[in-house]
Protein backbone atom coordinates (compact mmCIF):
# COMPACT_ATOMS: atom_id res chain seq x y z
CA MET A 1 41.99 -47.79 -33.57
CA VAL A 2 43.35 -51.49 -34.02
CA VAL A 3 42.98 -51.08 -37.71
CA LEU A 4 44.69 -47.80 -38.11
CA LEU A 5 47.85 -49.05 -36.44
CA LEU A 6 47.74 -52.07 -38.56
CA ALA A 7 47.80 -49.97 -41.49
CA ILE A 8 50.54 -47.80 -40.10
CA SER A 9 52.59 -50.90 -39.36
CA ASN A 10 52.34 -52.31 -42.87
CA PHE A 11 52.94 -49.19 -44.43
CA ILE A 12 56.30 -48.91 -42.14
CA ASN A 13 57.49 -52.19 -42.95
CA ALA A 14 56.78 -51.55 -46.72
CA GLN A 15 59.18 -48.52 -46.53
CA SER A 16 61.78 -50.76 -44.52
CA VAL A 17 61.93 -53.41 -47.32
CA LEU A 18 62.65 -50.91 -50.23
CA GLY A 19 65.85 -50.74 -52.11
CA ASP A 20 68.73 -53.12 -52.68
CA TRP A 21 69.43 -56.22 -50.44
CA ASN A 22 72.36 -58.31 -50.79
CA GLY A 23 73.19 -61.93 -49.86
CA ALA A 24 74.86 -65.14 -51.07
CA ILE A 25 73.98 -68.94 -51.34
CA GLU A 26 76.40 -71.47 -51.64
CA VAL A 27 75.95 -74.12 -54.77
CA GLN A 28 78.32 -76.95 -54.91
CA GLY A 29 80.56 -75.84 -52.78
CA MET A 30 80.96 -72.22 -54.77
CA GLN A 31 79.62 -68.43 -53.52
CA LEU A 32 76.86 -67.41 -55.83
CA ARG A 33 75.76 -63.87 -55.00
CA LEU A 34 72.23 -62.44 -55.44
CA VAL A 35 70.98 -58.92 -55.01
CA PHE A 36 67.20 -58.09 -55.09
CA HIS A 37 66.15 -54.62 -55.78
CA ILE A 38 62.80 -53.76 -54.44
CA THR A 39 60.60 -50.54 -55.34
CA GLU A 40 57.01 -49.72 -54.91
CA ASP A 41 54.55 -49.69 -58.11
CA GLY A 42 51.53 -47.78 -56.34
CA GLU A 43 50.42 -49.98 -53.73
CA LYS A 44 52.38 -53.08 -54.73
CA LEU A 45 55.58 -54.24 -54.67
CA LYS A 46 58.05 -55.02 -57.56
CA ALA A 47 61.64 -56.05 -57.71
CA THR A 48 64.51 -57.05 -60.12
CA MET A 49 66.84 -60.01 -59.16
CA ASP A 50 70.87 -59.60 -60.16
CA SER A 51 73.20 -62.68 -60.17
CA PRO A 52 76.70 -61.43 -60.67
CA ASP A 53 78.52 -64.35 -60.53
CA GLN A 54 76.33 -65.87 -63.33
CA GLY A 55 76.86 -62.73 -65.31
CA ALA A 56 72.94 -61.63 -65.23
CA ASN A 57 71.08 -58.66 -63.87
CA GLY A 58 67.83 -57.13 -63.93
CA ILE A 59 65.93 -60.43 -63.80
CA SER A 60 62.26 -59.84 -63.47
CA VAL A 61 60.66 -60.83 -60.46
CA GLN A 62 56.96 -61.81 -60.68
CA GLU A 63 55.69 -61.48 -57.44
CA VAL A 64 56.69 -59.66 -54.39
CA VAL A 65 54.59 -59.72 -51.00
CA LEU A 66 55.28 -58.38 -47.94
CA ASP A 67 52.25 -59.60 -44.98
CA GLY A 68 53.45 -58.07 -41.91
CA LYS A 69 57.24 -58.78 -42.06
CA GLU A 70 56.92 -61.83 -43.89
CA LEU A 71 58.56 -61.52 -47.37
CA THR A 72 57.81 -63.59 -50.30
CA ILE A 73 59.49 -63.32 -53.73
CA GLU A 74 58.71 -65.53 -56.51
CA MET A 75 60.00 -66.34 -60.00
CA PRO A 76 57.76 -69.34 -61.24
CA ASN A 77 59.52 -69.21 -64.54
CA ILE A 78 62.83 -70.27 -63.14
CA GLY A 79 61.20 -72.46 -60.37
CA MET A 80 62.67 -69.84 -57.77
CA LYS A 81 60.78 -68.77 -54.35
CA TYR A 82 62.71 -66.98 -51.38
CA THR A 83 60.53 -66.88 -48.09
CA ALA A 84 62.02 -64.62 -45.43
CA THR A 85 61.20 -62.38 -42.22
CA LEU A 86 62.34 -58.84 -42.20
CA ASN A 87 63.97 -57.96 -38.94
CA ASP A 88 62.38 -55.18 -36.03
CA VAL A 89 64.61 -52.63 -37.59
CA GLY A 90 64.83 -53.17 -41.38
CA THR A 91 68.42 -54.10 -41.63
CA GLU A 92 68.15 -57.88 -42.51
CA ILE A 93 66.01 -60.15 -44.31
CA GLU A 94 66.53 -63.64 -43.31
CA GLY A 95 64.63 -66.81 -44.73
CA ILE A 96 64.58 -69.79 -47.31
CA PHE A 97 66.14 -69.52 -51.12
CA LYS A 98 64.44 -72.23 -53.16
CA GLN A 99 64.99 -73.09 -56.61
CA GLY A 100 64.03 -76.59 -58.24
CA PRO A 101 65.19 -79.42 -55.30
CA MET A 102 67.76 -76.94 -53.92
CA SER A 103 66.51 -75.26 -50.48
CA LEU A 104 69.17 -73.02 -48.78
CA PRO A 105 69.65 -70.66 -45.99
CA LEU A 106 69.95 -67.24 -47.45
CA LYS A 107 70.16 -63.84 -45.35
CA MET A 108 70.27 -60.55 -47.04
CA THR A 109 71.45 -57.13 -45.90
CA ARG A 110 71.91 -53.56 -47.32
CA GLU A 111 75.98 -54.08 -47.33
CA LYS A 112 77.25 -55.06 -50.72
CA ILE A 113 78.99 -58.38 -50.93
CA GLU A 114 82.26 -58.63 -52.50
CA LYS A 115 83.47 -61.69 -54.64
CA LYS A 116 85.29 -64.18 -53.11
CA GLU A 117 88.58 -64.58 -55.04
CA LEU A 118 89.44 -68.40 -55.73
CA VAL A 119 92.86 -69.87 -54.92
CA ARG A 120 93.88 -71.95 -57.91
CA PRO A 121 97.62 -72.52 -57.29
CA GLN A 122 98.01 -75.07 -60.07
CA GLU A 123 96.86 -72.80 -62.89
CA PRO A 124 99.72 -71.58 -65.21
CA LYS A 125 100.75 -67.93 -65.25
CA THR A 126 103.14 -68.35 -67.81
CA PHE A 127 103.78 -70.57 -70.83
CA ASP A 128 107.14 -71.40 -71.67
CA TYR A 129 106.26 -73.28 -74.76
CA GLY A 130 104.29 -73.04 -78.25
CA GLN A 131 100.68 -71.93 -78.43
CA GLU A 132 98.58 -71.61 -81.61
CA GLU A 133 95.03 -70.55 -81.69
CA VAL A 134 93.36 -72.97 -84.32
CA LYS A 135 90.39 -73.44 -86.06
CA PHE A 136 88.70 -76.49 -87.86
CA GLU A 137 85.52 -77.59 -89.54
CA ASN A 138 83.12 -80.50 -88.80
CA SER A 139 81.99 -80.82 -92.33
CA LYS A 140 79.12 -83.56 -90.88
CA GLY A 141 78.06 -80.63 -88.67
CA GLY A 142 78.43 -77.84 -90.96
CA HIS A 143 80.10 -75.77 -88.03
CA VAL A 144 83.59 -74.62 -86.75
CA LEU A 145 85.62 -75.65 -83.78
CA ALA A 146 88.10 -73.18 -82.15
CA GLY A 147 90.78 -74.25 -79.76
CA THR A 148 94.48 -73.84 -78.94
CA LEU A 149 97.32 -76.26 -79.99
CA THR A 150 100.36 -76.33 -77.66
CA THR A 151 103.78 -77.66 -78.64
CA PRO A 152 106.71 -78.22 -76.34
CA PRO A 153 109.65 -76.08 -75.84
CA GLY A 154 111.94 -76.81 -79.21
CA GLY A 155 109.03 -78.19 -81.18
CA LYS A 156 110.25 -82.04 -80.45
CA PHE A 157 107.32 -83.93 -79.32
CA GLU A 158 106.41 -87.59 -80.75
CA GLU A 159 102.87 -87.76 -79.56
CA VAL A 160 99.87 -85.45 -79.66
CA VAL A 161 96.53 -85.87 -77.44
CA VAL A 162 93.20 -84.02 -78.27
CA LEU A 163 91.38 -83.45 -74.98
CA ILE A 164 87.48 -84.33 -74.82
CA THR A 165 85.37 -82.68 -71.94
CA GLY A 166 82.64 -83.71 -70.11
CA SER A 167 78.95 -83.60 -69.91
CA GLY A 168 77.48 -80.03 -70.38
CA PRO A 169 78.73 -77.20 -72.64
CA GLN A 170 82.33 -76.27 -71.62
CA ASP A 171 84.98 -74.19 -73.04
CA ARG A 172 88.26 -75.58 -73.80
CA ASN A 173 89.78 -75.48 -70.41
CA GLU A 174 86.35 -77.55 -69.20
CA GLU A 175 86.06 -74.64 -67.02
CA LEU A 176 83.54 -75.82 -64.17
CA ILE A 177 82.94 -74.44 -60.86
CA GLY A 178 86.14 -72.54 -60.46
CA HIS A 179 88.62 -74.76 -62.26
CA LYS A 180 90.06 -75.27 -65.20
CA PRO A 181 91.31 -78.77 -64.93
CA PHE A 182 91.91 -78.95 -69.02
CA LEU A 183 94.22 -76.09 -68.58
CA VAL A 184 96.31 -77.74 -65.93
CA LEU A 185 96.22 -80.93 -67.49
CA SER A 186 97.28 -79.31 -71.02
CA ASP A 187 100.10 -77.41 -69.17
CA HIS A 188 101.46 -80.31 -67.83
CA PHE A 189 101.41 -82.43 -70.59
CA THR A 190 103.05 -79.79 -72.89
CA LYS A 191 106.04 -79.02 -70.41
CA ARG A 192 106.70 -82.77 -70.30
CA GLY A 193 107.21 -83.15 -74.00
CA VAL A 194 103.63 -84.09 -75.22
CA ALA A 195 101.71 -81.74 -77.63
CA VAL A 196 98.01 -80.90 -76.49
CA LEU A 197 94.93 -79.74 -78.88
CA ARG A 198 92.02 -78.65 -76.70
CA TYR A 199 88.77 -76.78 -78.12
CA ASP A 200 85.81 -75.17 -77.01
CA ASP A 201 82.12 -77.40 -77.61
CA ARG A 202 80.29 -76.80 -80.41
CA GLY A 203 78.00 -73.39 -79.64
CA VAL A 204 80.80 -72.33 -76.77
CA ALA A 205 82.87 -69.52 -76.76
CA GLU A 206 84.51 -69.08 -80.05
CA SER A 207 83.25 -72.32 -81.56
CA THR A 208 79.99 -72.20 -83.95
CA GLY A 209 77.25 -74.62 -84.20
CA THR A 210 74.58 -75.67 -81.67
CA PHE A 211 75.10 -77.46 -78.44
CA LYS A 212 71.39 -78.09 -77.51
CA GLY A 213 70.24 -81.29 -79.17
CA SER A 214 73.58 -82.84 -79.91
CA THR A 215 74.09 -85.97 -78.66
CA SER A 216 77.41 -88.08 -77.35
CA ARG A 217 77.63 -89.26 -81.11
CA ASP A 218 77.64 -85.94 -82.47
CA PHE A 219 80.44 -84.87 -80.22
CA ALA A 220 82.47 -87.93 -81.65
CA ASP A 221 82.18 -86.13 -84.77
CA ASP A 222 83.68 -83.19 -83.56
CA VAL A 223 86.68 -85.28 -82.34
CA ASN A 224 86.84 -87.06 -85.67
CA ALA A 225 87.50 -83.77 -87.23
CA ALA A 226 89.85 -82.56 -84.55
CA VAL A 227 91.70 -85.92 -85.51
CA SER A 228 91.46 -85.24 -89.46
CA PHE A 229 93.08 -81.51 -88.58
CA LEU A 230 96.10 -82.81 -86.82
CA LYS A 231 96.63 -85.46 -89.61
CA LYS A 232 96.62 -82.75 -92.39
CA ARG A 233 99.46 -80.64 -90.56
CA LYS A 234 102.65 -81.02 -91.83
CA ASP A 235 104.23 -80.43 -88.14
CA MET A 236 101.78 -83.42 -87.13
CA ALA A 237 103.54 -86.24 -89.83
CA GLY A 238 104.52 -89.13 -88.15
CA LYS A 239 103.24 -88.42 -84.63
CA LYS A 240 101.09 -90.60 -82.38
CA ILE A 241 97.84 -89.38 -82.08
CA GLY A 242 95.90 -89.84 -78.91
CA LEU A 243 92.54 -88.86 -77.41
CA CYS A 244 92.22 -88.36 -73.64
CA GLY A 245 88.76 -87.99 -72.43
CA HIS A 246 87.21 -86.83 -69.09
CA SER A 247 83.67 -88.33 -67.89
CA GLU A 248 81.69 -88.40 -70.69
CA GLY A 249 84.60 -87.35 -73.07
CA GLY A 250 85.63 -90.86 -71.53
CA MET A 251 82.59 -92.79 -73.33
CA ILE A 252 83.35 -90.75 -76.52
CA ALA A 253 86.87 -91.41 -76.76
CA PRO A 254 85.80 -95.20 -77.27
CA ILE A 255 83.00 -94.62 -80.00
CA VAL A 256 86.11 -92.38 -81.96
CA ALA A 257 89.21 -94.90 -81.43
CA SER A 258 86.66 -98.16 -82.25
CA GLU A 259 86.13 -96.50 -85.88
CA ASN A 260 89.03 -94.25 -86.54
CA ASN A 261 92.38 -95.82 -87.54
CA ASP A 262 94.13 -92.91 -87.05
CA VAL A 263 93.65 -92.56 -83.24
CA ASP A 264 96.97 -94.52 -81.87
CA PHE A 265 96.03 -94.39 -78.24
CA ILE A 266 93.26 -93.66 -75.84
CA VAL A 267 93.25 -92.12 -72.20
CA LEU A 268 90.22 -92.43 -70.15
CA LEU A 269 89.75 -90.28 -66.79
CA ALA A 270 86.91 -91.35 -64.84
CA GLY A 271 85.24 -92.90 -68.19
CA PRO A 272 82.12 -95.00 -68.21
CA GLY A 273 82.59 -99.18 -68.17
CA ILE A 274 78.86 -100.17 -67.46
CA LYS A 275 75.81 -99.40 -68.62
CA ILE A 276 74.49 -95.45 -68.14
CA PRO A 277 71.38 -96.57 -66.32
CA GLU A 278 73.43 -98.57 -63.87
CA LEU A 279 75.97 -95.81 -63.53
CA MET A 280 73.35 -93.39 -63.00
CA MET A 281 71.85 -95.05 -60.16
CA LEU A 282 74.95 -95.53 -58.31
CA GLN A 283 75.69 -92.05 -58.76
CA THR A 284 72.60 -90.78 -57.69
CA ASP A 285 72.22 -92.58 -54.60
CA LYS A 286 75.95 -91.95 -53.29
CA ILE A 287 75.73 -88.47 -54.14
CA SER A 288 72.61 -88.19 -51.91
CA GLU A 289 74.03 -90.04 -49.15
CA ALA A 290 77.27 -87.89 -49.36
CA GLU A 291 75.20 -84.71 -49.36
CA GLY A 292 73.10 -85.83 -46.27
CA VAL A 293 69.63 -87.06 -48.15
CA ASP A 294 67.69 -88.76 -45.45
CA SER A 295 67.10 -92.51 -46.56
CA GLU A 296 63.33 -91.97 -46.78
CA SER A 297 63.84 -89.56 -49.72
CA ARG A 298 67.03 -91.88 -50.89
CA LYS A 299 64.67 -94.80 -50.94
CA ALA A 300 62.05 -93.23 -52.78
CA ASN A 301 64.41 -91.37 -55.44
CA THR A 302 65.72 -94.91 -56.07
CA LYS A 303 62.47 -96.79 -57.07
CA ILE A 304 61.48 -93.71 -59.22
CA THR A 305 64.74 -93.56 -61.04
CA LYS A 306 65.23 -97.13 -61.42
CA GLN A 307 61.84 -97.29 -63.10
CA VAL A 308 62.36 -94.43 -65.28
CA PHE A 309 65.98 -95.69 -66.29
CA ASN A 310 65.37 -98.86 -66.84
CA PHE A 311 62.21 -97.72 -69.06
CA MET A 312 64.53 -95.35 -71.12
CA TYR A 313 66.91 -97.98 -71.64
CA ASP A 314 64.41 -101.02 -72.45
CA HIS A 315 62.91 -98.73 -75.49
CA SER A 316 65.20 -97.12 -77.17
CA GLU A 317 63.18 -98.05 -80.47
CA MET A 318 60.27 -96.26 -79.08
CA SER A 319 59.02 -92.59 -80.41
CA LYS A 320 59.12 -89.84 -78.17
CA ASP A 321 55.25 -89.76 -77.80
CA ASP A 322 55.45 -93.01 -76.62
CA LEU A 323 58.10 -92.54 -74.42
CA ARG A 324 56.64 -89.64 -73.10
CA LYS A 325 53.32 -91.68 -72.34
CA GLY A 326 54.99 -94.39 -70.60
CA LEU A 327 57.22 -92.01 -68.46
CA THR A 328 54.30 -89.91 -67.46
CA GLU A 329 52.76 -93.07 -65.99
CA ILE A 330 55.93 -93.67 -63.74
CA LEU A 331 56.58 -90.31 -62.64
CA SER A 332 52.88 -89.79 -61.79
CA GLU A 333 53.40 -92.95 -59.41
CA GLY A 334 56.71 -92.02 -58.54
CA PHE A 335 55.15 -88.17 -57.23
CA GLU A 336 52.99 -89.88 -54.87
CA MET A 337 55.79 -91.61 -53.38
CA LEU A 338 57.90 -88.32 -52.46
CA PRO A 339 58.07 -87.46 -48.73
CA ALA A 340 55.49 -84.41 -47.96
CA GLU A 341 58.41 -81.39 -47.63
CA GLU A 342 59.54 -82.72 -51.34
CA LYS A 343 56.17 -82.15 -52.45
CA GLU A 344 55.19 -79.23 -51.03
CA GLY A 345 54.92 -76.10 -53.01
CA GLU A 346 54.66 -78.41 -55.85
CA SER A 347 52.02 -79.57 -58.32
CA LYS A 348 52.24 -83.31 -59.88
CA GLU A 349 51.71 -81.87 -63.35
CA LYS A 350 54.47 -79.35 -62.74
CA PHE A 351 56.78 -82.22 -61.43
CA ILE A 352 56.03 -84.35 -64.65
CA GLU A 353 56.61 -81.64 -67.05
CA ASP A 354 59.70 -80.50 -65.43
CA GLN A 355 61.12 -84.05 -65.37
CA LEU A 356 59.87 -84.96 -68.89
CA GLY A 357 61.81 -81.52 -69.97
CA MET A 358 64.96 -83.08 -69.61
CA MET A 359 64.32 -86.44 -69.93
CA LEU A 360 63.03 -86.31 -73.86
CA ASP A 361 66.00 -84.12 -74.64
CA ASP A 362 67.90 -85.75 -77.42
CA TRP A 363 71.30 -85.92 -75.40
CA PHE A 364 69.76 -87.40 -72.29
CA LEU A 365 67.87 -90.29 -74.37
CA TYR A 366 71.02 -91.00 -76.27
CA PHE A 367 72.94 -91.05 -72.70
CA MET A 368 70.55 -93.01 -71.27
CA GLN A 369 70.38 -95.80 -73.68
CA PHE A 370 73.87 -96.23 -73.98
CA ASP A 371 76.24 -99.16 -73.29
CA PRO A 372 79.74 -98.17 -73.24
CA ALA A 373 80.75 -102.16 -74.03
CA THR A 374 79.37 -101.51 -77.61
CA TYR A 375 82.36 -99.38 -78.63
CA LEU A 376 85.22 -100.70 -76.08
CA SER A 377 84.61 -104.44 -77.10
CA LYS A 378 86.05 -103.33 -80.64
CA VAL A 379 89.13 -101.04 -79.07
CA THR A 380 92.13 -102.64 -79.88
CA CYS A 381 95.07 -99.51 -79.60
CA PRO A 382 96.71 -99.21 -76.20
CA VAL A 383 94.50 -97.86 -73.55
CA LEU A 384 94.62 -96.16 -70.09
CA ALA A 385 91.91 -96.09 -67.81
CA ILE A 386 92.14 -94.36 -64.40
CA ASN A 387 89.77 -93.44 -61.53
CA GLY A 388 89.70 -91.76 -58.06
CA GLU A 389 88.46 -94.16 -55.48
CA LEU A 390 86.41 -91.62 -54.08
CA ASP A 391 84.65 -90.96 -57.27
CA LEU A 392 80.99 -90.67 -56.79
CA GLN A 393 79.92 -89.60 -60.58
CA VAL A 394 81.50 -92.60 -62.22
CA THR A 395 82.30 -95.21 -59.34
CA SER A 396 85.45 -96.57 -59.36
CA LYS A 397 84.85 -100.00 -59.13
CA GLU A 398 82.37 -100.85 -61.37
CA ASN A 399 83.52 -98.98 -64.25
CA LEU A 400 86.69 -99.73 -64.22
CA GLU A 401 85.85 -103.48 -64.02
CA GLY A 402 83.22 -103.09 -66.82
CA ILE A 403 86.46 -101.00 -69.00
CA ARG A 404 88.90 -104.07 -68.43
CA ASN A 405 86.01 -106.81 -69.16
CA SER A 406 84.95 -105.00 -72.44
CA LEU A 407 88.83 -104.88 -73.79
CA ALA A 408 89.34 -108.14 -72.75
CA LYS A 409 86.40 -108.97 -75.69
CA ALA A 410 88.01 -106.74 -78.13
CA GLY A 411 91.43 -109.08 -77.54
CA ASN A 412 93.22 -106.12 -76.16
CA LYS A 413 96.38 -106.71 -74.36
CA ASN A 414 97.89 -103.56 -73.89
CA VAL A 415 95.57 -102.04 -71.39
CA THR A 416 96.71 -100.39 -68.08
CA ILE A 417 93.83 -99.46 -65.27
CA LYS A 418 94.33 -97.73 -61.87
CA GLU A 419 92.56 -96.71 -59.33
CA PHE A 420 93.72 -93.70 -57.15
CA LYS A 421 93.21 -93.89 -53.38
CA GLY A 422 91.53 -90.68 -52.06
CA LEU A 423 90.68 -88.66 -55.38
CA ASN A 424 87.13 -87.76 -56.67
CA HIS A 425 85.65 -87.30 -60.09
CA LEU A 426 87.50 -84.25 -60.81
CA PHE A 427 91.03 -86.14 -59.66
CA GLN A 428 91.05 -83.89 -56.46
CA LYS A 429 92.34 -84.90 -53.22
CA ALA A 430 89.09 -85.21 -51.28
CA GLU A 431 87.29 -86.26 -48.12
CA THR A 432 83.82 -87.71 -49.22
CA GLY A 433 83.96 -86.84 -53.04
CA ALA A 434 80.85 -85.35 -52.69
CA PRO A 435 80.54 -82.66 -55.55
CA SER A 436 79.97 -79.64 -53.04
CA GLU A 437 83.75 -80.04 -52.20
CA TYR A 438 84.76 -79.69 -55.45
CA ALA A 439 85.04 -75.91 -55.34
CA LYS A 440 86.24 -75.73 -51.90
CA ILE A 441 89.58 -77.95 -52.79
CA GLU A 442 92.31 -75.80 -54.00
CA GLU A 443 93.73 -78.41 -55.79
CA THR A 444 92.62 -78.56 -59.78
CA PHE A 445 94.11 -81.84 -60.79
CA ASN A 446 96.27 -84.02 -58.95
CA GLU A 447 99.75 -83.78 -59.70
CA GLU A 448 100.57 -88.17 -59.10
CA ALA A 449 97.43 -88.49 -61.16
CA MET A 450 98.64 -86.36 -64.26
CA LYS A 451 102.34 -87.60 -63.87
CA PHE A 452 101.14 -91.27 -63.80
CA VAL A 453 99.15 -90.44 -67.33
CA SER A 454 101.91 -88.39 -69.12
CA ASP A 455 104.25 -91.20 -67.85
CA TRP A 456 102.21 -93.87 -69.61
CA ILE A 457 102.09 -91.78 -73.16
CA LEU A 458 105.44 -90.94 -73.04
CA GLY A 459 106.48 -94.98 -72.39
CA MET A 460 104.58 -96.46 -75.27
């Protein structure tokens, strides 16, 4: 009799969990909606997942298990696992959503969740100046870059700026976590009398080519192609051409400026000024602290990452096979040092392979073995370098000082360096500078900082 009642209970629970379930997690301050579609396949459950805010629907779920009221949904191919409990009346599922290092609470119900509209007051609605859709070729890379060239009202200007995006595949607006910094920045510059060229990264949006496998050196070639394109235009004859790079873009601008005499000035927005392993150590620890990671985890992570980053930097001539061997040894020891909760549900082998997949990527290798001083110490054109006091990704004090010292070695006396109080890596007014704040802040790019930059350009 007990066995029969248990079977009936499991049947009722299985019927209760069928159908569509809607929920949302918060990732870096942004809402990310998730939908599970659970159905029956004989005596088994199956499911698909939608991620509407990422434009992904019908993603196959590898495993769905309901044990009593305990539900487990797993997608090992993307490192995702959702463990939750079905309530007594079958109207809610509540539990923990895990993907990679991320572990977040997730409640799901039958009710569809509407997308939250983001408030971005600085994004321009009208464009009272010239806009031209342009394309130019990087003959070295064999691809075509697409962008927008904006010119001040009346076509009168003396300076034109090429905007260079930060890390990761980004479009001409440098769109990230609900903000479009380069759209806001180009609008400000153009209205103040500076022409602007912004373009989609290779392999992104309307630009051809392949992003994956490309390095910062390759992206510098794209910038050179942009400068060459401007130099050939009749309406740019006699104009000063400048580069304005954000984050990794602030690392790429000095590469180009140190080698290309057609560059008249550069602006570094939160650009690196110290060796990248040192920068990444500071970034990792400060962000972890700001996001509430406990001291034990931070201490273990710091020891592992320091060994990894220094090994990569010190062995720039080593083959990938030899790098793999050395990194595997470090990561194997590092895994054992991790707190128990971080190792839960993950094998050492998977941990190592996941890490190696990122570390042995061509972009990451070039990045980790990079010293900004190599190029900054050869830049002789005018330079403006600014940073936010609360920047946790490219810390202000250390990197601005590094930029200052390297430019001094170049004998460059036309240098302006400024730190802005209370601004983060995106040049927003922030409370802590943590990346999780970025999307929550309505401001896209601080007006005072933008004016300081445009004043400098116009005052040269």
